[in-house]
Protein backbone atom coordinates (compact mmCIF):
# COMPACT_ATOMS: atom_id res chain seq x y z
CA MET A 1 -0.13 0.03 -0.03
CA THR A 2 1.16 3.60 -0.89
CA SER A 3 1.25 6.10 2.20
CA ALA A 4 0.30 9.98 1.23
CA SER A 5 3.94 11.24 1.09
CA ASP A 6 4.68 8.69 -2.25
CA LYS A 7 1.41 9.87 -3.74
CA ARG A 8 2.43 14.14 -3.01
CA SER A 9 5.95 13.01 -4.33
CA SER A 10 4.33 11.08 -7.62
CA PHE A 11 2.05 14.15 -8.02
CA ILE A 12 4.94 16.46 -8.01
CA ARG A 13 6.95 14.35 -10.74
CA ARG A 14 3.71 14.13 -12.94
CA LEU A 15 3.12 17.91 -12.70
CA ILE A 16 6.78 18.66 -13.27
CA VAL A 17 6.87 16.48 -16.24
CA LEU A 18 3.67 18.38 -17.26
CA VAL A 19 5.21 22.02 -16.59
CA ILE A 20 8.40 20.65 -18.82
CA ALA A 21 6.18 19.25 -21.65
CA CYS A 22 4.03 22.25 -22.03
CA LEU A 23 7.20 24.63 -22.20
CA ALA A 24 8.49 22.83 -24.62
CA VAL A 25 5.20 23.01 -26.45
CA TRP A 26 5.41 26.73 -26.16
CA TYR A 27 9.01 27.34 -27.40
CA VAL A 28 8.14 24.94 -30.45
CA VAL A 29 5.44 27.09 -31.60
CA SER A 30 6.99 30.66 -30.86
CA THR A 31 10.04 29.32 -33.30
CA ASN A 32 7.66 28.39 -36.15
CA LEU A 33 5.97 31.56 -35.87
CA ARG A 34 9.14 33.83 -35.47
CA ASN A 35 10.08 31.47 -38.70
CA GLN A 36 6.66 32.18 -40.29
CA TYR A 37 7.41 35.73 -40.43
CA ASN A 38 10.91 35.51 -41.38
CA TYR A 39 10.93 33.10 -44.30
CA PRO A 40 8.99 33.95 -46.44
CA ARG A 41 10.51 37.71 -46.24
CA LEU A 42 13.78 35.63 -46.51
CA ILE A 43 13.00 34.05 -49.41
CA THR A 44 11.52 36.72 -51.42
CA THR A 45 14.19 38.99 -50.27
CA GLN A 46 16.66 36.69 -51.75
CA MET A 47 14.70 36.11 -55.13
CA VAL A 48 14.59 40.20 -55.47
CA VAL A 49 18.33 40.80 -55.01
CA CYS A 50 19.14 38.17 -57.91
CA ARG A 51 16.65 39.77 -60.00
CA LEU A 52 18.11 43.16 -59.49
CA ASN A 53 21.70 42.14 -59.91
CA GLU A 54 20.79 40.77 -63.35
CA VAL A 55 18.85 43.83 -64.42
CA ILE A 56 20.36 47.04 -62.95
CA LYS A 57 23.45 47.87 -64.58
CA PRO A 58 26.03 51.08 -63.92
CA ASP A 59 24.12 52.72 -67.11
CA ARG A 60 20.88 52.85 -65.79
CA ILE A 61 21.85 53.94 -62.48
CA ALA A 62 23.97 56.64 -63.87
CA THR A 63 20.80 57.65 -66.28
CA ARG A 64 19.20 57.44 -62.62
CA LEU A 65 21.42 59.63 -60.69
CA GLY A 66 21.56 62.14 -64.21
CA LYS A 67 25.73 62.43 -63.89
CA LYS A 68 28.67 60.54 -65.33
CA LEU A 69 30.61 58.80 -62.50
CA GLN A 70 34.00 57.61 -62.89
CA GLU A 71 34.48 54.79 -60.44
CA GLU A 72 32.97 52.11 -58.20
CA THR A 73 30.37 53.81 -56.27
CA PHE A 74 28.21 52.52 -52.92
CA LEU A 75 24.40 53.96 -52.65
CA MET A 76 21.37 52.97 -50.90
CA LEU A 77 18.79 52.79 -53.66
CA ASP A 78 16.65 55.19 -52.15
CA TRP A 79 14.37 55.60 -54.76
CA ASP A 80 11.05 53.65 -56.13
CA TRP A 81 11.50 52.44 -59.61
CA ASP A 82 9.03 52.95 -62.68
CA ALA A 83 6.96 50.42 -63.90
CA ALA A 84 9.29 49.93 -66.67
CA MET A 85 11.53 48.42 -63.75
CA ALA A 86 9.29 46.79 -61.70
CA ASN A 87 7.93 44.77 -64.81
CA LEU A 88 11.80 43.73 -65.27
CA VAL A 89 12.27 42.32 -61.72
CA LYS A 90 8.76 40.92 -61.88
CA VAL A 91 8.16 40.58 -58.58
CA ARG A 92 4.31 39.14 -57.28
CA GLU A 93 1.91 40.80 -56.25
CA ASN A 94 1.71 39.73 -52.82
CA SER A 95 5.60 39.39 -52.07
CA GLU A 96 6.69 40.42 -49.08
CA ALA A 97 9.86 41.87 -51.10
CA LYS A 98 9.11 44.75 -53.69
CA GLU A 99 11.71 46.04 -56.48
CA SER A 100 12.52 49.12 -54.17
CA ARG A 101 12.30 47.68 -50.60
CA ASP A 102 13.13 44.16 -48.72
CA GLY A 103 11.07 41.77 -47.14
CA TRP A 104 11.45 43.69 -44.13
CA GLY A 105 10.78 47.54 -45.80
CA ASN A 106 13.66 48.80 -45.72
CA ARG A 107 15.93 49.76 -49.09
CA TYR A 108 18.61 47.72 -50.88
CA TYR A 109 22.09 48.85 -51.22
CA GLY A 110 24.41 48.47 -54.38
CA ILE A 111 27.63 48.71 -55.35
CA PHE A 112 28.31 49.45 -59.28
CA ASP A 113 31.18 49.48 -61.58
CA PHE A 114 31.40 52.98 -63.14
CA ASN A 115 35.04 52.81 -64.86
CA ASN A 116 34.31 49.21 -66.29
CA ASP A 117 36.84 47.61 -65.05
CA ASP A 118 34.16 44.38 -64.03
CA LEU A 119 35.25 44.71 -60.36
CA VAL A 120 33.93 46.56 -57.03
CA PRO A 121 34.75 46.48 -53.97
CA ASN A 122 33.32 43.47 -51.68
CA PRO A 123 31.57 45.23 -49.05
CA ASP A 124 31.64 42.17 -46.81
CA PRO A 125 34.38 43.26 -44.04
CA ASP A 126 35.03 40.29 -42.74
CA ALA A 127 35.26 38.50 -46.61
CA LYS A 128 38.45 37.06 -48.09
CA GLN A 129 37.87 38.42 -51.35
CA LEU A 130 38.80 41.95 -51.36
CA PHE A 131 36.82 42.48 -55.23
CA LEU A 132 34.08 40.96 -56.58
CA LYS A 133 34.39 40.74 -60.73
CA ARG A 134 31.23 41.87 -61.82
CA ARG A 135 29.83 45.10 -62.29
CA THR A 136 26.67 45.11 -60.43
CA ALA A 137 26.81 44.16 -56.36
CA ILE A 138 23.53 44.48 -54.80
CA PHE A 139 22.07 43.25 -51.29
CA SER A 140 19.81 43.82 -48.42
CA ALA A 141 20.60 44.78 -44.56
CA GLY A 142 18.35 41.52 -43.75
CA PRO A 143 16.18 41.82 -41.11
CA ASP A 144 17.97 43.92 -39.12
CA GLY A 145 18.26 46.51 -40.92
CA ASP A 146 21.69 47.25 -40.76
CA PRO A 147 23.96 47.17 -43.84
CA ALA A 148 27.16 47.09 -41.50
CA THR A 149 26.13 43.77 -39.70
CA TRP A 150 26.80 40.83 -42.53
CA GLN A 151 25.23 37.99 -40.62
CA ASP A 152 21.93 38.29 -41.62
CA ASN A 153 23.04 40.44 -44.76
CA ILE A 154 21.12 39.24 -48.21
CA LYS A 155 23.23 38.71 -51.15
CA ASN A 156 23.99 36.59 -54.29
CA TRP A 157 27.62 36.83 -54.59
């Protein structure tokens, strides 16, 4: 026959197991909700960055700025594109990322080669490769909105 203290300790053990199970379920649900919020933004931003790198050329930027530039230039793409540009990028209507803003509502950044040597400086300070062999390097600052923190920036090089 079990005593009252054995029943009480058994009840306490079951209660502890129940609390741990509830905490585990809460953690899984909250993590999934956070990922559901960020994952579509990440995927659509990656897609738009790739398309922008294909479509935006230094000549288009120089025309947009209205001046002749002679060297590599780092720019925040802080303007809205016209319908023709939006059509070139082909962003879905319900996409979190647009041609002028990433999935978190931040502007894109770009480095453009205006001296035609097909090299732009790598903006990632931790990268081993100092220059990128390309005419255009467009990236998103990622969820934190800070282009200086490269752990979450979205790029395609």
